[in-house]
Amino acid sequence: MRLVIARCSVDYTGRLNAHLPEATRLLMHKGDGSLLVHSDGGSYKPLNWMSPPCSFSVEELDDDDTAAGVVERWRVVHKKSGDALTVRIFELIHDSAHDLGVDPGLQKDGVEADLQRLLAEQIGLVEDGAQLVRREYPTAIGPVDHMVRDINGNHIAIEVKRKANIDAVEQLTRYLELLNRDPVLAPVRGILAAQSIAPQARTLAVDRGIEVLLLDYDAMKGVDSGAPTLF
């Protein structure tokens, strides 16, 4: 991971256009290719970002940049959508790189771990004829909770959450982009399985072709009746 503190401006172009005027910010360029722009506020959420798969380059400065005092210009382009993030750096304050190694992944709380285990044991709740291939299916960017085959032999990647938000949709999207590059697995569908899902996350999931499976934790434990509902 490369961490840069710089006085910079940021422009996002593509499906929407956005501009961050010149200010001092933290730029995080991760090993997966993503770039995140942070301010000293707003908690964990970046001001702007580009998710993988994307390309990163340092461009030559034009006359306008030079006249404005720009010392370095970055361009990050999403390989599928073509959306672009342009960072104009006016002053480099700090620049360091760190090898974080392989992350073991998030250790889930009891309810989420139980949901994952129960769904594996009751995989028919996903759809009729579904068969579990493997729990914690490994990928280069972390394990998918469940890899499943449907009745036609096609693969389904399932991510299990207690409460699903937009970050969960982004996580499953990254898994699907990677898995669908493998000709042995493709095409791979995605299902986000959760006890509850935020409305914004549901909208984003549907837009990306990801199905949503609502899980009834008590019913799966046999405490109450009912069944998950697939939307």
C-alpha atoms as a PDB file:
ATOM      1  CA  MET A   1       0.000   0.000   0.000  1.00  0.00           C
ATOM      2  CA  ARG A   2       1.229   3.477  -0.899  1.00  0.00           C
ATOM      3  CA  LEU A   3       0.252   6.353   1.398  1.00  0.00           C
ATOM      4  CA  VAL A   4       0.619   9.887   0.074  1.00  0.00           C
ATOM      5  CA  ILE A   5      -0.283  13.085   1.908  1.00  0.00           C
ATOM      6  CA  ALA A   6      -0.476  15.869  -0.634  1.00  0.00           C
ATOM      7  CA  ARG A   7      -2.028  19.200  -1.445  1.00  0.00           C
ATOM      8  CA  CYS A   8      -4.116  18.177  -4.426  1.00  0.00           C
ATOM      9  CA  SER A   9      -7.292  18.534  -6.469  1.00  0.00           C
ATOM     10  CA  VAL A  10      -9.335  15.578  -7.710  1.00  0.00           C
ATOM     11  CA  ASP A  11     -11.656  15.234 -10.710  1.00  0.00           C
ATOM     12  CA  TYR A  12     -13.934  12.249 -11.363  1.00  0.00           C
ATOM     13  CA  THR A  13     -15.365  11.845 -14.884  1.00  0.00           C
ATOM     14  CA  GLY A  14     -17.662   9.145 -16.282  1.00  0.00           C
ATOM     15  CA  ARG A  15     -21.210   8.245 -15.349  1.00  0.00           C
ATOM     16  CA  LEU A  16     -21.055  11.315 -13.116  1.00  0.00           C
ATOM     17  CA  ASN A  17     -18.647  14.241 -12.800  1.00  0.00           C
ATOM     18  CA  ALA A  18     -17.317  15.465  -9.471  1.00  0.00           C
ATOM     19  CA  HIS A  19     -14.616  17.911  -8.435  1.00  0.00           C
ATOM     20  CA  LEU A  20     -12.650  18.250  -5.200  1.00  0.00           C
ATOM     21  CA  PRO A  21     -10.848  21.611  -5.090  1.00  0.00           C
ATOM     22  CA  GLU A  22      -7.266  21.988  -3.944  1.00  0.00           C
ATOM     23  CA  ALA A  23      -6.725  20.894  -0.332  1.00  0.00           C
ATOM     24  CA  THR A  24      -4.462  18.675   1.746  1.00  0.00           C
ATOM     25  CA  ARG A  25      -5.629  15.046   1.608  1.00  0.00           C
ATOM     26  CA  LEU A  26      -4.529  11.447   2.136  1.00  0.00           C
ATOM     27  CA  LEU A  27      -4.242   9.355  -1.046  1.00  0.00           C
ATOM     28  CA  MET A  28      -4.277   5.574  -0.580  1.00  0.00           C
ATOM     29  CA  HIS A  29      -3.148   3.453  -3.546  1.00  0.00           C
ATOM     30  CA  LYS A  30      -3.775  -0.168  -2.565  1.00  0.00           C
ATOM     31  CA  GLY A  31      -2.216  -3.351  -3.865  1.00  0.00           C
ATOM     32  CA  ASP A  32      -5.478  -4.326  -5.587  1.00  0.00           C
ATOM     33  CA  GLY A  33      -5.125  -1.216  -7.768  1.00  0.00           C
ATOM     34  CA  SER A  34      -7.784   0.887  -6.060  1.00  0.00           C
ATOM     35  CA  LEU A  35      -7.245   4.535  -5.188  1.00  0.00           C
ATOM     36  CA  LEU A  36      -9.017   6.229  -2.268  1.00  0.00           C
ATOM     37  CA  VAL A  37      -9.028   9.929  -1.430  1.00  0.00           C
ATOM     38  CA  HIS A  38      -9.481  10.795   2.258  1.00  0.00           C
ATOM     39  CA  SER A  39      -9.810  13.999   4.262  1.00  0.00           C
ATOM     40  CA  ASP A  40      -9.157  14.407   7.974  1.00  0.00           C
ATOM     41  CA  GLY A  41     -12.822  13.773   8.758  1.00  0.00           C
ATOM     42  CA  GLY A  42     -15.813  11.750   7.636  1.00  0.00           C
ATOM     43  CA  SER A  43     -14.705   8.648   9.521  1.00  0.00           C
ATOM     44  CA  TYR A  44     -13.823   5.698   7.241  1.00  0.00           C
ATOM     45  CA  LYS A  45     -15.582   6.921   4.096  1.00  0.00           C
ATOM     46  CA  PRO A  46     -13.357   8.358   1.335  1.00  0.00           C
ATOM     47  CA  LEU A  47     -14.263  11.595  -0.451  1.00  0.00           C
ATOM     48  CA  ASN A  48     -13.812   9.818  -3.769  1.00  0.00           C
ATOM     49  CA  TRP A  49     -12.343   6.558  -4.981  1.00  0.00           C
ATOM     50  CA  MET A  50     -11.798   4.171  -7.891  1.00  0.00           C
ATOM     51  CA  SER A  51     -12.412   0.463  -7.340  1.00  0.00           C
ATOM     52  CA  PRO A  52     -10.604  -2.337  -9.211  1.00  0.00           C
ATOM     53  CA  PRO A  53     -10.149  -3.467 -11.899  1.00  0.00           C
ATOM     54  CA  CYS A  54      -8.438  -0.224 -12.876  1.00  0.00           C
ATOM     55  CA  SER A  55      -5.174   1.090 -14.296  1.00  0.00           C
ATOM     56  CA  PHE A  56      -2.894   3.677 -12.666  1.00  0.00           C
ATOM     57  CA  SER A  57      -0.517   6.002 -14.504  1.00  0.00           C
ATOM     58  CA  VAL A  58       1.495   9.169 -13.921  1.00  0.00           C
ATOM     59  CA  GLU A  59       0.839  11.524 -16.825  1.00  0.00           C
ATOM     60  CA  GLU A  60       2.994  14.223 -18.380  1.00  0.00           C
ATOM     61  CA  LEU A  61       2.045  17.712 -17.295  1.00  0.00           C
ATOM     62  CA  ASP A  62       0.593  20.115 -19.850  1.00  0.00           C
ATOM     63  CA  ASP A  63       1.182  23.868 -19.942  1.00  0.00           C
ATOM     64  CA  ASP A  64      -1.956  24.614 -17.911  1.00  0.00           C
ATOM     65  CA  ASP A  65      -0.858  22.226 -15.145  1.00  0.00           C
ATOM     66  CA  THR A  66       2.634  23.715 -15.051  1.00  0.00           C
ATOM     67  CA  ALA A  67       1.262  27.246 -14.909  1.00  0.00           C
ATOM     68  CA  ALA A  68      -1.062  26.258 -12.060  1.00  0.00           C
ATOM     69  CA  GLY A  69       1.821  24.813 -10.029  1.00  0.00           C
ATOM     70  CA  VAL A  70       1.002  21.132 -10.462  1.00  0.00           C
ATOM     71  CA  VAL A  71       4.049  18.931  -9.756  1.00  0.00           C
ATOM     72  CA  GLU A  72       2.513  15.532 -10.559  1.00  0.00           C
ATOM     73  CA  ARG A  73      -0.676  14.267 -12.224  1.00  0.00           C
ATOM     74  CA  TRP A  74      -2.192  10.836 -11.638  1.00  0.00           C
ATOM     75  CA  ARG A  75      -4.862   9.168 -13.712  1.00  0.00           C
ATOM     76  CA  VAL A  76      -6.790   6.067 -12.623  1.00  0.00           C
ATOM     77  CA  VAL A  77      -9.169   4.520 -15.172  1.00  0.00           C
ATOM     78  CA  HIS A  78     -11.715   1.768 -14.513  1.00  0.00           C
ATOM     79  CA  LYS A  79     -11.084  -0.990 -17.052  1.00  0.00           C
ATOM     80  CA  LYS A  80     -14.751  -1.790 -17.614  1.00  0.00           C
ATOM     81  CA  SER A  81     -16.691   1.447 -17.268  1.00  0.00           C
ATOM     82  CA  GLY A  82     -14.004   3.835 -18.482  1.00  0.00           C
ATOM     83  CA  ASP A  83     -14.682   6.166 -15.535  1.00  0.00           C
ATOM     84  CA  ALA A  84     -11.561   8.134 -14.657  1.00  0.00           C
ATOM     85  CA  LEU A  85     -10.083   9.765 -11.570  1.00  0.00           C
ATOM     86  CA  THR A  86      -7.523  12.539 -12.164  1.00  0.00           C
ATOM     87  CA  VAL A  87      -5.424  13.746  -9.226  1.00  0.00           C
ATOM     88  CA  ARG A  88      -3.356  16.922  -9.627  1.00  0.00           C
ATOM     89  CA  ILE A  89      -0.713  17.183  -6.913  1.00  0.00           C
ATOM     90  CA  PHE A  90       0.555  20.650  -6.023  1.00  0.00           C
ATOM     91  CA  GLU A  91       2.742  19.625  -3.082  1.00  0.00           C
ATOM     92  CA  LEU A  92       3.944  16.226  -1.849  1.00  0.00           C
ATOM     93  CA  ILE A  93       4.066  16.249   1.934  1.00  0.00           C
ATOM     94  CA  HIS A  94       4.545  12.537   2.636  1.00  0.00           C
ATOM     95  CA  ASP A  95       5.049   9.476   0.422  1.00  0.00           C
ATOM     96  CA  SER A  96       5.583   5.963   1.774  1.00  0.00           C
ATOM     97  CA  ALA A  97       4.951   2.381   0.672  1.00  0.00           C
ATOM     98  CA  HIS A  98       4.183  -0.561   2.951  1.00  0.00           C
ATOM     99  CA  ASP A  99       3.787  -4.291   2.284  1.00  0.00           C
ATOM    100  CA  LEU A 100       0.833  -5.396   4.419  1.00  0.00           C
ATOM    101  CA  GLY A 101       1.011  -9.057   3.372  1.00  0.00           C
ATOM    102  CA  VAL A 102      -2.015 -11.318   3.036  1.00  0.00           C
ATOM    103  CA  ASP A 103      -4.961 -10.309   5.203  1.00  0.00           C
ATOM    104  CA  PRO A 104      -6.634 -13.230   7.038  1.00  0.00           C
ATOM    105  CA  GLY A 105     -10.055 -11.634   6.540  1.00  0.00           C
ATOM    106  CA  LEU A 106     -12.715 -10.419   8.906  1.00  0.00           C
ATOM    107  CA  GLN A 107     -13.487 -12.607  11.896  1.00  0.00           C
ATOM    108  CA  LYS A 108     -17.261 -12.707  11.971  1.00  0.00           C
ATOM    109  CA  ASP A 109     -19.378 -12.324  15.073  1.00  0.00           C
ATOM    110  CA  GLY A 110     -21.397 -15.212  16.425  1.00  0.00           C
ATOM    111  CA  VAL A 111     -24.634 -14.473  14.581  1.00  0.00           C
ATOM    112  CA  GLU A 112     -22.936 -13.975  11.219  1.00  0.00           C
ATOM    113  CA  ALA A 113     -20.850 -17.120  11.651  1.00  0.00           C
ATOM    114  CA  ASP A 114     -23.998 -19.066  12.589  1.00  0.00           C
ATOM    115  CA  LEU A 115     -25.835 -17.712   9.547  1.00  0.00           C
ATOM    116  CA  GLN A 116     -23.014 -18.868   7.310  1.00  0.00           C
ATOM    117  CA  ARG A 117     -22.976 -22.340   8.885  1.00  0.00           C
ATOM    118  CA  LEU A 118     -26.766 -22.725   8.866  1.00  0.00           C
ATOM    119  CA  LEU A 119     -27.062 -21.659   5.232  1.00  0.00           C
ATOM    120  CA  ALA A 120     -24.419 -24.209   4.270  1.00  0.00           C
ATOM    121  CA  GLU A 121     -26.437 -26.887   6.063  1.00  0.00           C
ATOM    122  CA  GLN A 122     -29.705 -25.669   4.466  1.00  0.00           C
ATOM    123  CA  ILE A 123     -28.373 -24.742   1.043  1.00  0.00           C
ATOM    124  CA  GLY A 124     -31.706 -25.668  -0.565  1.00  0.00           C
ATOM    125  CA  LEU A 125     -32.997 -22.368   0.817  1.00  0.00           C
ATOM    126  CA  VAL A 126     -31.032 -20.635  -1.930  1.00  0.00           C
ATOM    127  CA  GLU A 127     -33.069 -22.369  -4.630  1.00  0.00           C
ATOM    128  CA  ASP A 128     -34.304 -25.856  -5.486  1.00  0.00           C
ATOM    129  CA  GLY A 129     -31.528 -28.191  -6.562  1.00  0.00           C
ATOM    130  CA  ALA A 130     -28.692 -26.029  -5.251  1.00  0.00           C
ATOM    131  CA  GLN A 131     -25.586 -27.906  -4.093  1.00  0.00           C
ATOM    132  CA  LEU A 132     -22.783 -26.578  -1.909  1.00  0.00           C
ATOM    133  CA  VAL A 133     -19.368 -26.744  -3.605  1.00  0.00           C
ATOM    134  CA  ARG A 134     -17.317 -25.264  -0.786  1.00  0.00           C
ATOM    135  CA  ARG A 135     -17.458 -22.907   2.150  1.00  0.00           C
ATOM    136  CA  GLU A 136     -14.841 -20.120   2.265  1.00  0.00           C
ATOM    137  CA  TYR A 137     -14.070 -20.555  -1.441  1.00  0.00           C
ATOM    138  CA  PRO A 138     -10.594 -19.010  -1.929  1.00  0.00           C
ATOM    139  CA  THR A 139      -9.882 -16.132  -4.313  1.00  0.00           C
ATOM    140  CA  ALA A 140      -6.874 -13.835  -4.720  1.00  0.00           C
ATOM    141  CA  ILE A 141      -8.687 -11.080  -2.782  1.00  0.00           C
ATOM    142  CA  GLY A 142     -10.207 -13.178  -0.014  1.00  0.00           C
ATOM    143  CA  PRO A 143     -12.617 -16.081   0.453  1.00  0.00           C
ATOM    144  CA  VAL A 144     -16.214 -16.112  -0.760  1.00  0.00           C
ATOM    145  CA  ASP A 145     -18.494 -17.421   1.987  1.00  0.00           C
ATOM    146  CA  HIS A 146     -20.179 -20.096  -0.169  1.00  0.00           C
ATOM    147  CA  MET A 147     -19.603 -21.385  -3.685  1.00  0.00           C
ATOM    148  CA  VAL A 148     -22.717 -23.193  -4.913  1.00  0.00           C
ATOM    149  CA  ARG A 149     -23.902 -24.957  -8.095  1.00  0.00           C
ATOM    150  CA  ASP A 150     -27.460 -24.532  -9.266  1.00  0.00           C
ATOM    151  CA  ILE A 151     -29.556 -27.301 -10.809  1.00  0.00           C
ATOM    152  CA  ASN A 152     -28.047 -26.532 -14.231  1.00  0.00           C
ATOM    153  CA  GLY A 153     -24.466 -26.765 -12.979  1.00  0.00           C
ATOM    154  CA  ASN A 154     -23.828 -23.022 -13.025  1.00  0.00           C
ATOM    155  CA  HIS A 155     -21.910 -21.450 -10.158  1.00  0.00           C
ATOM    156  CA  ILE A 156     -23.294 -19.048  -7.557  1.00  0.00           C
ATOM    157  CA  ALA A 157     -21.084 -16.986  -5.209  1.00  0.00           C
ATOM    158  CA  ILE A 158     -22.846 -16.186  -1.939  1.00  0.00           C
ATOM    159  CA  GLU A 159     -21.749 -13.591   0.595  1.00  0.00           C
ATOM    160  CA  VAL A 160     -23.421 -13.861   4.018  1.00  0.00           C
ATOM    161  CA  LYS A 161     -23.962 -10.829   6.264  1.00  0.00           C
ATOM    162  CA  ARG A 162     -25.982 -10.080   9.367  1.00  0.00           C
ATOM    163  CA  LYS A 163     -26.720  -6.558   8.118  1.00  0.00           C
ATOM    164  CA  ALA A 164     -25.840  -5.877   4.473  1.00  0.00           C
ATOM    165  CA  ASN A 165     -24.901  -2.375   3.352  1.00  0.00           C
ATOM    166  CA  ILE A 166     -23.327  -0.882   0.232  1.00  0.00           C
ATOM    167  CA  ASP A 167     -19.880  -2.144   1.294  1.00  0.00           C
ATOM    168  CA  ALA A 168     -21.216  -5.718   1.167  1.00  0.00           C
ATOM    169  CA  VAL A 169     -22.435  -5.182  -2.405  1.00  0.00           C
ATOM    170  CA  GLU A 170     -19.046  -3.734  -3.382  1.00  0.00           C
ATOM    171  CA  GLN A 171     -17.286  -6.709  -1.777  1.00  0.00           C
ATOM    172  CA  LEU A 172     -19.386  -9.262  -3.667  1.00  0.00           C
ATOM    173  CA  THR A 173     -18.987  -7.259  -6.885  1.00  0.00           C
ATOM    174  CA  ARG A 174     -15.198  -7.538  -6.595  1.00  0.00           C
ATOM    175  CA  TYR A 175     -15.460 -11.292  -6.026  1.00  0.00           C
ATOM    176  CA  LEU A 176     -17.731 -11.712  -9.062  1.00  0.00           C
ATOM    177  CA  GLU A 177     -15.459  -9.657 -11.318  1.00  0.00           C
ATOM    178  CA  LEU A 178     -12.561 -11.925 -10.377  1.00  0.00           C
ATOM    179  CA  LEU A 179     -14.442 -15.241 -10.488  1.00  0.00           C
ATOM    180  CA  ASN A 180     -15.972 -14.512 -13.886  1.00  0.00           C
ATOM    181  CA  ARG A 181     -12.488 -14.227 -15.387  1.00  0.00           C
ATOM    182  CA  ASP A 182     -12.055 -17.960 -14.737  1.00  0.00           C
ATOM    183  CA  PRO A 183     -13.442 -19.875 -17.759  1.00  0.00           C
ATOM    184  CA  VAL A 184     -13.913 -22.971 -15.603  1.00  0.00           C
ATOM    185  CA  LEU A 185     -16.303 -21.133 -13.264  1.00  0.00           C
ATOM    186  CA  ALA A 186     -17.958 -18.535 -15.497  1.00  0.00           C
ATOM    187  CA  PRO A 187     -20.693 -17.534 -15.600  1.00  0.00           C
ATOM    188  CA  VAL A 188     -20.921 -16.941 -11.850  1.00  0.00           C
ATOM    189  CA  ARG A 189     -24.070 -15.392 -10.348  1.00  0.00           C
ATOM    190  CA  GLY A 190     -23.995 -13.466  -7.099  1.00  0.00           C
ATOM    191  CA  ILE A 191     -26.326 -13.659  -4.112  1.00  0.00           C
ATOM    192  CA  LEU A 192     -26.091 -11.403  -1.068  1.00  0.00           C
ATOM    193  CA  ALA A 193     -27.655 -13.276   1.874  1.00  0.00           C
ATOM    194  CA  ALA A 194     -28.469 -11.308   5.015  1.00  0.00           C
ATOM    195  CA  GLN A 195     -30.912 -10.859   7.874  1.00  0.00           C
ATOM    196  CA  SER A 196     -31.465  -7.282   6.724  1.00  0.00           C
ATOM    197  CA  ILE A 197     -30.305  -5.132   3.838  1.00  0.00           C
ATOM    198  CA  ALA A 198     -30.170  -1.358   3.560  1.00  0.00           C
ATOM    199  CA  PRO A 199     -32.430   0.106   0.857  1.00  0.00           C
ATOM    200  CA  GLN A 200     -29.481   1.715  -0.921  1.00  0.00           C
ATOM    201  CA  ALA A 201     -27.616  -1.610  -0.906  1.00  0.00           C
ATOM    202  CA  ARG A 202     -30.638  -3.401  -2.350  1.00  0.00           C
ATOM    203  CA  THR A 203     -30.898  -0.835  -5.157  1.00  0.00           C
ATOM    204  CA  LEU A 204     -27.196  -1.147  -5.986  1.00  0.00           C
ATOM    205  CA  ALA A 205     -27.339  -4.955  -5.877  1.00  0.00           C
ATOM    206  CA  VAL A 206     -30.279  -5.095  -8.286  1.00  0.00           C
ATOM    207  CA  ASP A 207     -28.534  -2.629 -10.606  1.00  0.00           C
ATOM    208  CA  ARG A 208     -25.497  -4.931 -10.714  1.00  0.00           C
ATOM    209  CA  GLY A 209     -27.502  -8.102 -11.264  1.00  0.00           C
ATOM    210  CA  ILE A 210     -26.896  -9.406  -7.741  1.00  0.00           C
ATOM    211  CA  GLU A 211     -29.799 -11.227  -6.071  1.00  0.00           C
ATOM    212  CA  VAL A 212     -30.747 -10.645  -2.444  1.00  0.00           C
ATOM    213  CA  LEU A 213     -31.670 -13.473  -0.059  1.00  0.00           C
ATOM    214  CA  LEU A 214     -33.279 -12.446   3.235  1.00  0.00           C
ATOM    215  CA  LEU A 215     -32.502 -14.902   6.017  1.00  0.00           C
ATOM    216  CA  ASP A 216     -34.751 -15.675   8.980  1.00  0.00           C
ATOM    217  CA  TYR A 217     -32.207 -16.582  11.659  1.00  0.00           C
ATOM    218  CA  ASP A 218     -34.728 -17.992  14.146  1.00  0.00           C
ATOM    219  CA  ALA A 219     -36.440 -20.101  11.498  1.00  0.00           C
ATOM    220  CA  MET A 220     -33.111 -21.507  10.337  1.00  0.00           C
ATOM    221  CA  LYS A 221     -32.334 -22.503  13.932  1.00  0.00           C
ATOM    222  CA  GLY A 222     -35.774 -24.109  14.188  1.00  0.00           C
ATOM    223  CA  VAL A 223     -37.012 -21.588  16.722  1.00  0.00           C
ATOM    224  CA  ASP A 224     -39.747 -20.198  14.501  1.00  0.00           C
ATOM    225  CA  SER A 225     -41.406 -20.965  11.181  1.00  0.00           C
ATOM    226  CA  GLY A 226     -40.775 -19.151   7.930  1.00  0.00           C
ATOM    227  CA  ALA A 227     -38.374 -19.189   5.042  1.00  0.00           C
ATOM    228  CA  PRO A 228     -35.909 -16.770   3.430  1.00  0.00           C
ATOM    229  CA  THR A 229     -37.283 -14.749   0.556  1.00  0.00           C
ATOM    230  CA  LEU A 230     -35.290 -14.327  -2.655  1.00  0.00           C
ATOM    231  CA  PHE A 231     -35.748 -11.013  -4.494  1.00  0.00           C
END
